[in-house]
Amino acid sequence: MKKTSLIALVVIAGLIVSGGFFLLTWDIPPPSAPVEKVLPDERFPR
């Protein structure tokens, strides 16, 4: 049981490290369309 737990822990740690590496190297494209949102005046205090 101890060996199985160790293997599971190593696999989970490897997945976390590889996921972090993927997010660090991923070239996310910027949004291609402008975003416009109308905010009502009532939301802001005077």
C-alpha atoms as a PDB file:
ATOM      1  CA  MET A   1       0.000   0.000   0.000  1.00  0.00           C
ATOM      2  CA  LYS A   2       2.863   2.371   0.777  1.00  0.00           C
ATOM      3  CA  LYS A   3       4.430   1.787  -2.645  1.00  0.00           C
ATOM      4  CA  THR A   4       1.096   2.461  -4.401  1.00  0.00           C
ATOM      5  CA  SER A   5       0.664   5.720  -2.479  1.00  0.00           C
ATOM      6  CA  LEU A   6       4.177   6.807  -3.419  1.00  0.00           C
ATOM      7  CA  ILE A   7       3.575   6.061  -7.101  1.00  0.00           C
ATOM      8  CA  ALA A   8       0.274   7.979  -7.014  1.00  0.00           C
ATOM      9  CA  LEU A   9       1.972  10.944  -5.341  1.00  0.00           C
ATOM     10  CA  VAL A  10       4.754  10.988  -7.950  1.00  0.00           C
ATOM     11  CA  VAL A  11       2.207  10.835 -10.800  1.00  0.00           C
ATOM     12  CA  ILE A  12       0.140  13.693  -9.319  1.00  0.00           C
ATOM     13  CA  ALA A  13       3.247  15.812  -8.750  1.00  0.00           C
ATOM     14  CA  GLY A  14       4.358  15.138 -12.342  1.00  0.00           C
ATOM     15  CA  LEU A  15       0.958  16.206 -13.661  1.00  0.00           C
ATOM     16  CA  ILE A  16       1.054  19.431 -11.649  1.00  0.00           C
ATOM     17  CA  VAL A  17       4.585  20.276 -12.800  1.00  0.00           C
ATOM     18  CA  SER A  18       3.845  19.474 -16.440  1.00  0.00           C
ATOM     19  CA  GLY A  19       0.595  21.470 -16.301  1.00  0.00           C
ATOM     20  CA  GLY A  20       2.445  24.463 -14.873  1.00  0.00           C
ATOM     21  CA  PHE A  21       5.112  24.185 -17.541  1.00  0.00           C
ATOM     22  CA  PHE A  22       2.399  24.039 -20.219  1.00  0.00           C
ATOM     23  CA  LEU A  23       0.734  27.183 -18.874  1.00  0.00           C
ATOM     24  CA  LEU A  24       4.078  29.010 -18.712  1.00  0.00           C
ATOM     25  CA  THR A  25       4.936  28.235 -22.327  1.00  0.00           C
ATOM     26  CA  TRP A  26       1.453  28.528 -23.881  1.00  0.00           C
ATOM     27  CA  ASP A  27       1.227  31.502 -26.247  1.00  0.00           C
ATOM     28  CA  ILE A  28      -2.359  32.607 -25.632  1.00  0.00           C
ATOM     29  CA  PRO A  29      -3.640  34.773 -28.494  1.00  0.00           C
ATOM     30  CA  PRO A  30      -5.177  38.120 -27.506  1.00  0.00           C
ATOM     31  CA  PRO A  31      -8.882  38.683 -28.135  1.00  0.00           C
ATOM     32  CA  SER A  32      -9.535  39.569 -31.754  1.00  0.00           C
ATOM     33  CA  ALA A  33     -12.736  41.562 -31.207  1.00  0.00           C
ATOM     34  CA  PRO A  34     -13.034  44.663 -29.024  1.00  0.00           C
ATOM     35  CA  VAL A  35     -15.195  44.295 -25.929  1.00  0.00           C
ATOM     36  CA  GLU A  36     -17.633  47.091 -25.118  1.00  0.00           C
ATOM     37  CA  LYS A  37     -19.819  47.019 -22.047  1.00  0.00           C
ATOM     38  CA  VAL A  38     -22.221  49.739 -20.978  1.00  0.00           C
ATOM     39  CA  LEU A  39     -22.181  50.444 -17.259  1.00  0.00           C
ATOM     40  CA  PRO A  40     -25.215  52.264 -15.836  1.00  0.00           C
ATOM     41  CA  ASP A  41     -24.627  55.483 -13.916  1.00  0.00           C
ATOM     42  CA  GLU A  42     -26.574  54.107 -10.926  1.00  0.00           C
ATOM     43  CA  ARG A  43     -23.688  51.738 -10.095  1.00  0.00           C
ATOM     44  CA  PHE A  44     -21.364  54.597  -9.176  1.00  0.00           C
ATOM     45  CA  PRO A  45     -21.823  56.793  -6.105  1.00  0.00           C
ATOM     46  CA  ARG A  46     -21.852  60.505  -6.605  1.00  0.00           C
END
